[in-house]
PDB file of all heavy atoms in Angstrom:
ATOM      1  N   THR A   1       5.197  -3.820  -9.629  1.00  0.00           N
ATOM      2  CA  THR A   1       4.429  -4.143  -8.421  1.00  0.00           C
ATOM      3  C   THR A   1       3.095  -3.448  -8.462  1.00  0.00           C
ATOM      4  O   THR A   1       3.027  -2.255  -8.779  1.00  0.00           O
ATOM      5  CB  THR A   1       5.225  -3.730  -7.170  1.00  0.00           C
ATOM      6  OG1 THR A   1       6.395  -4.563  -7.063  1.00  0.00           O
ATOM      7  CG2 THR A   1       4.367  -3.896  -5.911  1.00  0.00           C
ATOM      8  N   GLY A   2       2.034  -4.163  -8.140  1.00  0.00           N
ATOM      9  CA  GLY A   2       0.709  -3.585  -8.211  1.00  0.00           C
ATOM     10  C   GLY A   2      -0.210  -4.374  -9.128  1.00  0.00           C
ATOM     11  O   GLY A   2      -1.423  -4.259  -9.042  1.00  0.00           O
ATOM     12  N   GLY A   3       0.382  -5.198 -10.025  1.00  0.00           N
ATOM     13  CA  GLY A   3      -0.422  -6.080 -10.870  1.00  0.00           C
ATOM     14  C   GLY A   3      -1.407  -5.344 -11.768  1.00  0.00           C
ATOM     15  O   GLY A   3      -0.995  -4.440 -12.517  1.00  0.00           O
ATOM     16  N   ILE A   4      -2.664  -5.715 -11.717  1.00  0.00           N
ATOM     17  CA  ILE A   4      -3.676  -5.172 -12.618  1.00  0.00           C
ATOM     18  C   ILE A   4      -3.774  -3.668 -12.542  1.00  0.00           C
ATOM     19  O   ILE A   4      -4.035  -3.000 -13.570  1.00  0.00           O
ATOM     20  CB  ILE A   4      -5.058  -5.826 -12.300  1.00  0.00           C
ATOM     21  CG1 ILE A   4      -5.034  -7.285 -12.771  1.00  0.00           C
ATOM     22  CG2 ILE A   4      -6.192  -5.078 -12.970  1.00  0.00           C
ATOM     23  CD1 ILE A   4      -6.314  -8.036 -12.512  1.00  0.00           C
ATOM     24  N   VAL A   5      -3.532  -3.078 -11.396  1.00  0.00           N
ATOM     25  CA  VAL A   5      -3.590  -1.632 -11.269  1.00  0.00           C
ATOM     26  C   VAL A   5      -2.570  -0.992 -12.225  1.00  0.00           C
ATOM     27  O   VAL A   5      -2.914  -0.072 -12.985  1.00  0.00           O
ATOM     28  CB  VAL A   5      -3.268  -1.215  -9.824  1.00  0.00           C
ATOM     29  CG1 VAL A   5      -3.171   0.324  -9.744  1.00  0.00           C
ATOM     30  CG2 VAL A   5      -4.332  -1.711  -8.882  1.00  0.00           C
ATOM     31  N   ALA A   6      -1.346  -1.496 -12.203  1.00  0.00           N
ATOM     32  CA  ALA A   6      -0.292  -0.978 -13.056  1.00  0.00           C
ATOM     33  C   ALA A   6      -0.607  -1.251 -14.524  1.00  0.00           C
ATOM     34  O   ALA A   6      -0.386  -0.394 -15.403  1.00  0.00           O
ATOM     35  CB  ALA A   6       1.042  -1.564 -12.704  1.00  0.00           C
ATOM     36  N   TYR A   7      -1.150  -2.434 -14.837  1.00  0.00           N
ATOM     37  CA  TYR A   7      -1.428  -2.774 -16.228  1.00  0.00           C
ATOM     38  C   TYR A   7      -2.520  -1.859 -16.825  1.00  0.00           C
ATOM     39  O   TYR A   7      -2.356  -1.320 -17.925  1.00  0.00           O
ATOM     40  CB  TYR A   7      -1.916  -4.221 -16.326  1.00  0.00           C
ATOM     41  CG  TYR A   7      -1.073  -5.247 -15.594  1.00  0.00           C
ATOM     42  CD1 TYR A   7      -1.610  -6.464 -15.147  1.00  0.00           C
ATOM     43  CD2 TYR A   7       0.273  -5.013 -15.352  1.00  0.00           C
ATOM     44  CE1 TYR A   7      -0.838  -7.383 -14.481  1.00  0.00           C
ATOM     45  CE2 TYR A   7       1.069  -5.944 -14.672  1.00  0.00           C
ATOM     46  CZ  TYR A   7       0.487  -7.114 -14.250  1.00  0.00           C
ATOM     47  OH  TYR A   7       1.233  -8.069 -13.587  1.00  0.00           O
ATOM     48  N   LEU A   8      -3.626  -1.718 -16.093  1.00  0.00           N
ATOM     49  CA  LEU A   8      -4.745  -0.925 -16.630  1.00  0.00           C
ATOM     50  C   LEU A   8      -4.398   0.554 -16.721  1.00  0.00           C
ATOM     51  O   LEU A   8      -4.854   1.285 -17.619  1.00  0.00           O
ATOM     52  CB  LEU A   8      -5.971  -1.118 -15.737  1.00  0.00           C
ATOM     53  CG  LEU A   8      -6.572  -2.531 -15.733  1.00  0.00           C
ATOM     54  CD1 LEU A   8      -7.780  -2.603 -14.819  1.00  0.00           C
ATOM     55  CD2 LEU A   8      -6.919  -3.024 -17.119  1.00  0.00           C
ATOM     56  N   GLU A   9      -3.568   1.026 -15.796  1.00  0.00           N
ATOM     57  CA  GLU A   9      -3.123   2.427 -15.854  1.00  0.00           C
ATOM     58  C   GLU A   9      -2.339   2.686 -17.119  1.00  0.00           C
ATOM     59  O   GLU A   9      -2.525   3.717 -17.762  1.00  0.00           O
ATOM     60  CB  GLU A   9      -2.307   2.752 -14.609  1.00  0.00           C
ATOM     61  CG  GLU A   9      -1.858   4.189 -14.535  1.00  0.00           C
ATOM     62  CD  GLU A   9      -1.133   4.517 -13.236  1.00  0.00           C
ATOM     63  OE1 GLU A   9      -1.695   4.203 -12.187  1.00  0.00           O
ATOM     64  OE2 GLU A   9      -0.013   5.039 -13.303  1.00  0.00           O
ATOM     65  N   GLU A  10      -1.488   1.772 -17.480  1.00  0.00           N
ATOM     66  CA  GLU A  10      -0.656   1.946 -18.691  1.00  0.00           C
ATOM     67  C   GLU A  10      -1.439   1.663 -19.948  1.00  0.00           C
ATOM     68  O   GLU A  10      -1.241   2.320 -20.965  1.00  0.00           O
ATOM     69  CB  GLU A  10       0.604   1.062 -18.611  1.00  0.00           C
ATOM     70  CG  GLU A  10       1.584   1.325 -19.739  1.00  0.00           C
ATOM     71  CD  GLU A  10       2.969   0.834 -19.399  1.00  0.00           C
ATOM     72  OE1 GLU A  10       3.362   0.841 -18.200  1.00  0.00           O
ATOM     73  OE2 GLU A  10       3.684   0.449 -20.333  1.00  0.00           O
ATOM     74  N   ILE A  11      -2.333   0.654 -19.924  1.00  0.00           N
ATOM     75  CA  ILE A  11      -3.113   0.337 -21.107  1.00  0.00           C
ATOM     76  C   ILE A  11      -4.130   1.388 -21.442  1.00  0.00           C
ATOM     77  O   ILE A  11      -4.310   1.799 -22.596  1.00  0.00           O
ATOM     78  CB  ILE A  11      -3.804  -1.046 -20.937  1.00  0.00           C
ATOM     79  CG1 ILE A  11      -2.780  -2.152 -20.821  1.00  0.00           C
ATOM     80  CG2 ILE A  11      -4.756  -1.329 -22.112  1.00  0.00           C
ATOM     81  CD1 ILE A  11      -3.364  -3.480 -20.385  1.00  0.00           C
ATOM     82  N   TYR A  12      -4.859   1.865 -20.396  1.00  0.00           N
ATOM     83  CA  TYR A  12      -5.980   2.785 -20.610  1.00  0.00           C
ATOM     84  C   TYR A  12      -5.619   4.173 -20.136  1.00  0.00           C
ATOM     85  O   TYR A  12      -5.207   5.021 -20.907  1.00  0.00           O
ATOM     86  CB  TYR A  12      -7.238   2.266 -19.932  1.00  0.00           C
ATOM     87  CG  TYR A  12      -7.673   0.910 -20.439  1.00  0.00           C
ATOM     88  CD1 TYR A  12      -7.417  -0.236 -19.731  1.00  0.00           C
ATOM     89  CD2 TYR A  12      -8.334   0.792 -21.668  1.00  0.00           C
ATOM     90  CE1 TYR A  12      -7.809  -1.506 -20.185  1.00  0.00           C
ATOM     91  CE2 TYR A  12      -8.762  -0.465 -22.137  1.00  0.00           C
ATOM     92  CZ  TYR A  12      -8.466  -1.593 -21.422  1.00  0.00           C
ATOM     93  OH  TYR A  12      -8.852  -2.824 -21.876  1.00  0.00           O
ATOM     94  N   ASN A  13      -5.780   4.425 -18.842  1.00  0.00           N
ATOM     95  CA  ASN A  13      -5.482   5.732 -18.265  1.00  0.00           C
ATOM     96  C   ASN A  13      -5.377   5.581 -16.737  1.00  0.00           C
ATOM     97  O   ASN A  13      -5.783   4.550 -16.184  1.00  0.00           O
ATOM     98  CB  ASN A  13      -6.498   6.783 -18.646  1.00  0.00           C
ATOM     99  CG  ASN A  13      -7.907   6.368 -18.285  1.00  0.00           C
ATOM    100  OD1 ASN A  13      -8.219   6.126 -17.105  1.00  0.00           O
ATOM    101  ND2 ASN A  13      -8.807   6.261 -19.285  1.00  0.00           N
ATOM    102  N   PRO A  14      -4.852   6.576 -16.059  1.00  0.00           N
ATOM    103  CA  PRO A  14      -4.702   6.486 -14.581  1.00  0.00           C
ATOM    104  C   PRO A  14      -5.989   6.268 -13.838  1.00  0.00           C
ATOM    105  O   PRO A  14      -6.011   5.607 -12.788  1.00  0.00           O
ATOM    106  CB  PRO A  14      -4.054   7.813 -14.236  1.00  0.00           C
ATOM    107  CG  PRO A  14      -3.321   8.242 -15.445  1.00  0.00           C
ATOM    108  CD  PRO A  14      -4.197   7.783 -16.596  1.00  0.00           C
ATOM    109  N   LEU A  15      -7.112   6.794 -14.367  1.00  0.00           N
ATOM    110  CA  LEU A  15      -8.400   6.638 -13.683  1.00  0.00           C
ATOM    111  C   LEU A  15      -8.806   5.171 -13.626  1.00  0.00           C
ATOM    112  O   LEU A  15      -9.213   4.677 -12.549  1.00  0.00           O
ATOM    113  CB  LEU A  15      -9.465   7.463 -14.363  1.00  0.00           C
ATOM    114  CG  LEU A  15     -10.915   7.279 -13.865  1.00  0.00           C
ATOM    115  CD1 LEU A  15     -11.019   7.608 -12.386  1.00  0.00           C
ATOM    116  CD2 LEU A  15     -11.905   8.080 -14.684  1.00  0.00           C
ATOM    117  N   ILE A  16      -8.717   4.461 -14.744  1.00  0.00           N
ATOM    118  CA  ILE A  16      -9.078   3.029 -14.761  1.00  0.00           C
ATOM    119  C   ILE A  16      -8.193   2.240 -13.814  1.00  0.00           C
ATOM    120  O   ILE A  16      -8.674   1.376 -13.071  1.00  0.00           O
ATOM    121  CB  ILE A  16      -8.970   2.472 -16.192  1.00  0.00           C
ATOM    122  CG1 ILE A  16      -9.902   3.239 -17.166  1.00  0.00           C
ATOM    123  CG2 ILE A  16      -9.331   0.981 -16.203  1.00  0.00           C
ATOM    124  CD1 ILE A  16     -11.364   3.156 -16.802  1.00  0.00           C
ATOM    125  N   GLY A  17      -6.890   2.542 -13.811  1.00  0.00           N
ATOM    126  CA  GLY A  17      -5.998   1.857 -12.901  1.00  0.00           C
ATOM    127  C   GLY A  17      -6.354   2.134 -11.458  1.00  0.00           C
ATOM    128  O   GLY A  17      -6.341   1.222 -10.636  1.00  0.00           O
ATOM    129  N   PHE A  18      -6.666   3.376 -11.152  1.00  0.00           N
ATOM    130  CA  PHE A  18      -7.080   3.735  -9.785  1.00  0.00           C
ATOM    131  C   PHE A  18      -8.329   2.969  -9.340  1.00  0.00           C
ATOM    132  O   PHE A  18      -8.372   2.424  -8.240  1.00  0.00           O
ATOM    133  CB  PHE A  18      -7.308   5.208  -9.654  1.00  0.00           C
ATOM    134  CG  PHE A  18      -7.927   5.623  -8.336  1.00  0.00           C
ATOM    135  CD1 PHE A  18      -7.125   5.765  -7.200  1.00  0.00           C
ATOM    136  CD2 PHE A  18      -9.307   5.804  -8.227  1.00  0.00           C
ATOM    137  CE1 PHE A  18      -7.722   6.113  -5.976  1.00  0.00           C
ATOM    138  CE2 PHE A  18      -9.862   6.135  -7.009  1.00  0.00           C
ATOM    139  CZ  PHE A  18      -9.093   6.276  -5.898  1.00  0.00           C
ATOM    140  N   LEU A  19      -9.330   2.939 -10.220  1.00  0.00           N
ATOM    141  CA  LEU A  19     -10.604   2.256  -9.876  1.00  0.00           C
ATOM    142  C   LEU A  19     -10.350   0.787  -9.613  1.00  0.00           C
ATOM    143  O   LEU A  19     -10.963   0.178  -8.719  1.00  0.00           O
ATOM    144  CB  LEU A  19     -11.618   2.455 -10.956  1.00  0.00           C
ATOM    145  CG  LEU A  19     -12.189   3.903 -11.110  1.00  0.00           C
ATOM    146  CD1 LEU A  19     -13.164   3.974 -12.263  1.00  0.00           C
ATOM    147  CD2 LEU A  19     -12.864   4.360  -9.819  1.00  0.00           C
ATOM    148  N   ALA A  20      -9.462   0.162 -10.427  1.00  0.00           N
ATOM    149  CA  ALA A  20      -9.146  -1.252 -10.213  1.00  0.00           C
ATOM    150  C   ALA A  20      -8.510  -1.409  -8.817  1.00  0.00           C
ATOM    151  O   ALA A  20      -8.866  -2.327  -8.060  1.00  0.00           O
ATOM    152  CB  ALA A  20      -8.197  -1.727 -11.282  1.00  0.00           C
ATOM    153  N   GLY A  21      -7.567  -0.546  -8.505  1.00  0.00           N
ATOM    154  CA  GLY A  21      -6.914  -0.648  -7.191  1.00  0.00           C
ATOM    155  C   GLY A  21      -7.864  -0.337  -6.063  1.00  0.00           C
ATOM    156  O   GLY A  21      -7.843  -0.978  -5.030  1.00  0.00           O
ATOM    157  N   TRP A  22      -8.720   0.648  -6.254  1.00  0.00           N
ATOM    158  CA  TRP A  22      -9.715   1.046  -5.253  1.00  0.00           C
ATOM    159  C   TRP A  22     -10.611  -0.138  -4.891  1.00  0.00           C
ATOM    160  O   TRP A  22     -10.832  -0.464  -3.734  1.00  0.00           O
ATOM    161  CB  TRP A  22     -10.528   2.206  -5.796  1.00  0.00           C
ATOM    162  CG  TRP A  22     -11.694   2.660  -4.959  1.00  0.00           C
ATOM    163  CD1 TRP A  22     -12.997   2.325  -5.129  1.00  0.00           C
ATOM    164  CD2 TRP A  22     -11.674   3.521  -3.831  1.00  0.00           C
ATOM    165  NE1 TRP A  22     -13.796   2.928  -4.220  1.00  0.00           N
ATOM    166  CE2 TRP A  22     -12.996   3.694  -3.380  1.00  0.00           C
ATOM    167  CE3 TRP A  22     -10.617   4.204  -3.148  1.00  0.00           C
ATOM    168  CZ2 TRP A  22     -13.319   4.520  -2.286  1.00  0.00           C
ATOM    169  CZ3 TRP A  22     -10.954   4.990  -2.053  1.00  0.00           C
ATOM    170  CH2 TRP A  22     -12.275   5.121  -1.634  1.00  0.00           C
ATOM    171  N   VAL A  23     -11.128  -0.842  -5.931  1.00  0.00           N
ATOM    172  CA  VAL A  23     -11.996  -1.974  -5.708  1.00  0.00           C
ATOM    173  C   VAL A  23     -11.216  -3.142  -5.120  1.00  0.00           C
ATOM    174  O   VAL A  23     -11.722  -3.879  -4.229  1.00  0.00           O
ATOM    175  CB  VAL A  23     -12.667  -2.398  -7.047  1.00  0.00           C
ATOM    176  CG1 VAL A  23     -13.401  -3.724  -6.908  1.00  0.00           C
ATOM    177  CG2 VAL A  23     -13.637  -1.328  -7.496  1.00  0.00           C
ATOM    178  N   GLN A  24      -9.989  -3.363  -5.563  1.00  0.00           N
ATOM    179  CA  GLN A  24      -9.210  -4.467  -5.034  1.00  0.00           C
ATOM    180  C   GLN A  24      -8.889  -4.238  -3.541  1.00  0.00           C
ATOM    181  O   GLN A  24      -8.997  -5.213  -2.745  1.00  0.00           O
ATOM    182  CB  GLN A  24      -7.917  -4.637  -5.829  1.00  0.00           C
ATOM    183  CG  GLN A  24      -8.103  -5.271  -7.195  1.00  0.00           C
ATOM    184  CD  GLN A  24      -6.799  -5.628  -7.846  1.00  0.00           C
ATOM    185  OE1 GLN A  24      -5.802  -4.960  -7.662  1.00  0.00           O
ATOM    186  NE2 GLN A  24      -6.801  -6.676  -8.609  1.00  0.00           N
ATOM    187  N   VAL A  25      -8.498  -3.012  -3.197  1.00  0.00           N
ATOM    188  CA  VAL A  25      -8.112  -2.735  -1.809  1.00  0.00           C
ATOM    189  C   VAL A  25      -9.308  -2.783  -0.884  1.00  0.00           C
ATOM    190  O   VAL A  25      -9.215  -3.274   0.254  1.00  0.00           O
ATOM    191  CB  VAL A  25      -7.380  -1.395  -1.713  1.00  0.00           C
ATOM    192  CG1 VAL A  25      -7.174  -0.993  -0.240  1.00  0.00           C
ATOM    193  CG2 VAL A  25      -6.051  -1.453  -2.464  1.00  0.00           C
ATOM    194  N   LEU A  26     -10.460  -2.284  -1.334  1.00  0.00           N
ATOM    195  CA  LEU A  26     -11.633  -2.208  -0.453  1.00  0.00           C
ATOM    196  C   LEU A  26     -12.540  -3.417  -0.513  1.00  0.00           C
ATOM    197  O   LEU A  26     -13.235  -3.702   0.458  1.00  0.00           O
ATOM    198  CB  LEU A  26     -12.480  -0.947  -0.823  1.00  0.00           C
ATOM    199  CG  LEU A  26     -11.798   0.403  -0.585  1.00  0.00           C
ATOM    200  CD1 LEU A  26     -12.795   1.516  -0.888  1.00  0.00           C
ATOM    201  CD2 LEU A  26     -11.295   0.529   0.841  1.00  0.00           C
ATOM    202  N   LEU A  27     -12.533  -4.146  -1.655  1.00  0.00           N
ATOM    203  CA  LEU A  27     -13.465  -5.249  -1.782  1.00  0.00           C
ATOM    204  C   LEU A  27     -12.794  -6.579  -2.051  1.00  0.00           C
ATOM    205  O   LEU A  27     -12.936  -7.514  -1.260  1.00  0.00           O
ATOM    206  CB  LEU A  27     -14.453  -4.962  -2.952  1.00  0.00           C
ATOM    207  CG  LEU A  27     -15.475  -3.861  -2.763  1.00  0.00           C
ATOM    208  CD1 LEU A  27     -16.351  -3.715  -3.980  1.00  0.00           C
ATOM    209  CD2 LEU A  27     -16.341  -4.128  -1.526  1.00  0.00           C
ATOM    210  N   PHE A  28     -12.074  -6.697  -3.146  1.00  0.00           N
ATOM    211  CA  PHE A  28     -11.623  -8.020  -3.572  1.00  0.00           C
ATOM    212  C   PHE A  28     -10.711  -8.704  -2.573  1.00  0.00           C
ATOM    213  O   PHE A  28     -11.023  -9.775  -2.051  1.00  0.00           O
ATOM    214  CB  PHE A  28     -10.921  -7.926  -4.952  1.00  0.00           C
ATOM    215  CG  PHE A  28     -10.267  -9.213  -5.349  1.00  0.00           C
ATOM    216  CD1 PHE A  28     -11.012 -10.342  -5.646  1.00  0.00           C
ATOM    217  CD2 PHE A  28      -8.877  -9.318  -5.393  1.00  0.00           C
ATOM    218  CE1 PHE A  28     -10.424 -11.534  -5.989  1.00  0.00           C
ATOM    219  CE2 PHE A  28      -8.283 -10.517  -5.773  1.00  0.00           C
ATOM    220  CZ  PHE A  28      -9.039 -11.615  -6.041  1.00  0.00           C
ATOM    221  N   TYR A  29      -9.564  -8.093  -2.289  1.00  0.00           N
ATOM    222  CA  TYR A  29      -8.629  -8.741  -1.383  1.00  0.00           C
ATOM    223  C   TYR A  29      -9.161  -8.919   0.036  1.00  0.00           C
ATOM    224  O   TYR A  29      -9.073 -10.045   0.585  1.00  0.00           O
ATOM    225  CB  TYR A  29      -7.295  -7.982  -1.364  1.00  0.00           C
ATOM    226  CG  TYR A  29      -6.436  -8.272  -2.601  1.00  0.00           C
ATOM    227  CD1 TYR A  29      -6.298  -7.317  -3.564  1.00  0.00           C
ATOM    228  CD2 TYR A  29      -5.791  -9.481  -2.780  1.00  0.00           C
ATOM    229  CE1 TYR A  29      -5.507  -7.562  -4.712  1.00  0.00           C
ATOM    230  CE2 TYR A  29      -5.029  -9.761  -3.874  1.00  0.00           C
ATOM    231  CZ  TYR A  29      -4.880  -8.777  -4.851  1.00  0.00           C
ATOM    232  OH  TYR A  29      -4.135  -9.067  -5.959  1.00  0.00           O
ATOM    233  N   PRO A  30      -9.775  -7.908   0.639  1.00  0.00           N
ATOM    234  CA  PRO A  30     -10.353  -8.129   1.970  1.00  0.00           C
ATOM    235  C   PRO A  30     -11.453  -9.185   1.985  1.00  0.00           C
ATOM    236  O   PRO A  30     -11.537  -9.961   2.939  1.00  0.00           O
ATOM    237  CB  PRO A  30     -10.907  -6.739   2.347  1.00  0.00           C
ATOM    238  CG  PRO A  30     -10.097  -5.756   1.554  1.00  0.00           C
ATOM    239  CD  PRO A  30      -9.828  -6.474   0.257  1.00  0.00           C
ATOM    240  N   ALA A  31     -12.267  -9.218   0.941  1.00  0.00           N
ATOM    241  CA  ALA A  31     -13.320 -10.228   0.868  1.00  0.00           C
ATOM    242  C   ALA A  31     -12.763 -11.629   0.809  1.00  0.00           C
ATOM    243  O   ALA A  31     -13.251 -12.574   1.476  1.00  0.00           O
ATOM    244  CB  ALA A  31     -14.272  -9.973  -0.296  1.00  0.00           C
ATOM    245  N   MET A  32     -11.723 -11.814  -0.013  1.00  0.00           N
ATOM    246  CA  MET A  32     -11.088 -13.135  -0.120  1.00  0.00           C
ATOM    247  C   MET A  32     -10.398 -13.499   1.190  1.00  0.00           C
ATOM    248  O   MET A  32     -10.510 -14.651   1.655  1.00  0.00           O
ATOM    249  CB  MET A  32     -10.111 -13.129  -1.277  1.00  0.00           C
ATOM    250  CG  MET A  32     -10.755 -13.058  -2.666  1.00  0.00           C
ATOM    251  SD  MET A  32     -11.849 -14.457  -3.041  1.00  0.00           S
ATOM    252  CE  MET A  32     -10.684 -15.824  -3.057  1.00  0.00           C
ATOM    253  N   ILE A  33      -9.676 -12.571   1.768  1.00  0.00           N
ATOM    254  CA  ILE A  33      -8.993 -12.812   3.031  1.00  0.00           C
ATOM    255  C   ILE A  33      -9.979 -13.219   4.132  1.00  0.00           C
ATOM    256  O   ILE A  33      -9.759 -14.210   4.836  1.00  0.00           O
ATOM    257  CB  ILE A  33      -8.189 -11.572   3.455  1.00  0.00           C
ATOM    258  CG1 ILE A  33      -7.007 -11.336   2.510  1.00  0.00           C
ATOM    259  CG2 ILE A  33      -7.694 -11.699   4.884  1.00  0.00           C
ATOM    260  CD1 ILE A  33      -6.398  -9.947   2.614  1.00  0.00           C
ATOM    261  N   SER A  34     -11.070 -12.478   4.230  1.00  0.00           N
ATOM    262  CA  SER A  34     -12.058 -12.742   5.269  1.00  0.00           C
ATOM    263  C   SER A  34     -12.788 -14.055   5.028  1.00  0.00           C
ATOM    264  O   SER A  34     -13.041 -14.803   5.937  1.00  0.00           O
ATOM    265  CB  SER A  34     -13.045 -11.611   5.374  1.00  0.00           C
ATOM    266  OG  SER A  34     -13.723 -11.390   4.142  1.00  0.00           O
ATOM    267  N   ALA A  35     -13.115 -14.324   3.748  1.00  0.00           N
ATOM    268  CA  ALA A  35     -13.798 -15.579   3.434  1.00  0.00           C
ATOM    269  C   ALA A  35     -12.967 -16.783   3.797  1.00  0.00           C
ATOM    270  O   ALA A  35     -13.436 -17.777   4.369  1.00  0.00           O
ATOM    271  CB  ALA A  35     -14.163 -15.627   1.936  1.00  0.00           C
ATOM    272  N   LEU A  36     -11.673 -16.721   3.496  1.00  0.00           N
ATOM    273  CA  LEU A  36     -10.773 -17.827   3.816  1.00  0.00           C
ATOM    274  C   LEU A  36     -10.602 -17.955   5.326  1.00  0.00           C
ATOM    275  O   LEU A  36     -10.533 -19.081   5.859  1.00  0.00           O
ATOM    276  CB  LEU A  36      -9.427 -17.599   3.143  1.00  0.00           C
ATOM    277  CG  LEU A  36      -9.463 -17.696   1.608  1.00  0.00           C
ATOM    278  CD1 LEU A  36      -8.227 -17.092   0.978  1.00  0.00           C
ATOM    279  CD2 LEU A  36      -9.651 -19.141   1.151  1.00  0.00           C
ATOM    280  N   ALA A  37     -10.538 -16.837   6.043  1.00  0.00           N
ATOM    281  CA  ALA A  37     -10.421 -16.907   7.497  1.00  0.00           C
ATOM    282  C   ALA A  37     -11.682 -17.509   8.100  1.00  0.00           C
ATOM    283  O   ALA A  37     -11.620 -18.257   9.074  1.00  0.00           O
ATOM    284  CB  ALA A  37     -10.163 -15.492   8.051  1.00  0.00           C
ATOM    285  N   VAL A  38     -12.822 -17.182   7.548  1.00  0.00           N
ATOM    286  CA  VAL A  38     -14.101 -17.727   8.040  1.00  0.00           C
ATOM    287  C   VAL A  38     -14.146 -19.233   7.878  1.00  0.00           C
ATOM    288  O   VAL A  38     -14.563 -19.972   8.777  1.00  0.00           O
ATOM    289  CB  VAL A  38     -15.292 -17.061   7.308  1.00  0.00           C
ATOM    290  CG1 VAL A  38     -16.591 -17.835   7.534  1.00  0.00           C
ATOM    291  CG2 VAL A  38     -15.468 -15.616   7.751  1.00  0.00           C
ATOM    292  N   VAL A  39     -13.681 -19.733   6.711  1.00  0.00           N
ATOM    293  CA  VAL A  39     -13.653 -21.174   6.487  1.00  0.00           C
ATOM    294  C   VAL A  39     -12.684 -21.861   7.431  1.00  0.00           C
ATOM    295  O   VAL A  39     -12.958 -22.937   7.973  1.00  0.00           O
ATOM    296  CB  VAL A  39     -13.264 -21.470   5.017  1.00  0.00           C
ATOM    297  CG1 VAL A  39     -12.979 -22.955   4.826  1.00  0.00           C
ATOM    298  CG2 VAL A  39     -14.376 -21.048   4.080  1.00  0.00           C
ATOM    299  N   CYS A  40     -11.543 -21.213   7.672  1.00  0.00           N
ATOM    300  CA  CYS A  40     -10.559 -21.763   8.585  1.00  0.00           C
ATOM    301  C   CYS A  40     -11.175 -21.874   9.983  1.00  0.00           C
ATOM    302  O   CYS A  40     -10.999 -22.894  10.676  1.00  0.00           O
ATOM    303  CB  CYS A  40      -9.320 -20.850   8.631  1.00  0.00           C
ATOM    304  SG  CYS A  40      -7.891 -21.558   9.485  1.00  0.00           S
ATOM    305  N   ALA A  41     -11.943 -20.886  10.378  1.00  0.00           N
ATOM    306  CA  ALA A  41     -12.599 -20.897  11.701  1.00  0.00           C
ATOM    307  C   ALA A  41     -13.670 -21.971  11.766  1.00  0.00           C
ATOM    308  O   ALA A  41     -13.869 -22.621  12.798  1.00  0.00           O
ATOM    309  CB  ALA A  41     -13.190 -19.525  12.002  1.00  0.00           C
ATOM    310  N   GLN A  42     -14.382 -22.175  10.646  1.00  0.00           N
ATOM    311  CA  GLN A  42     -15.401 -23.210  10.618  1.00  0.00           C
ATOM    312  C   GLN A  42     -14.791 -24.595  10.840  1.00  0.00           C
ATOM    313  O   GLN A  42     -15.373 -25.433  11.542  1.00  0.00           O
ATOM    314  CB  GLN A  42     -16.132 -23.181   9.255  1.00  0.00           C
ATOM    315  CG  GLN A  42     -17.072 -22.017   9.096  1.00  0.00           C
ATOM    316  CD  GLN A  42     -17.681 -21.961   7.694  1.00  0.00           C
ATOM    317  OE1 GLN A  42     -17.316 -22.721   6.814  1.00  0.00           O
ATOM    318  NE2 GLN A  42     -18.618 -21.024   7.515  1.00  0.00           N
ATOM    319  N   GLN A  43     -13.646 -24.840  10.259  1.00  0.00           N
ATOM    320  CA  GLN A  43     -12.971 -26.110  10.468  1.00  0.00           C
ATOM    321  C   GLN A  43     -12.431 -26.219  11.893  1.00  0.00           C
ATOM    322  O   GLN A  43     -12.494 -27.284  12.506  1.00  0.00           O
ATOM    323  CB  GLN A  43     -11.853 -26.273   9.453  1.00  0.00           C
ATOM    324  CG  GLN A  43     -12.318 -26.370   8.027  1.00  0.00           C
ATOM    325  CD  GLN A  43     -13.293 -27.516   7.788  1.00  0.00           C
ATOM    326  OE1 GLN A  43     -13.062 -28.640   8.155  1.00  0.00           O
ATOM    327  NE2 GLN A  43     -14.438 -27.178   7.223  1.00  0.00           N
TER     328      GLN A  43
END
C-alpha cells in the first residue's frame, strides 16, 4: 500500500520515496480531486 512511494523507497532510498509521497499528498492527488470537483460543479 502506498504505490509509487513504496516502489521508489525500495528501488532508490527512503528520501526519494518520501519526496514522491510529499508531492503526491500535497499536489498531485489534491489537484486532481479539486479539478474533477470543479468540472462536476461546472456541469
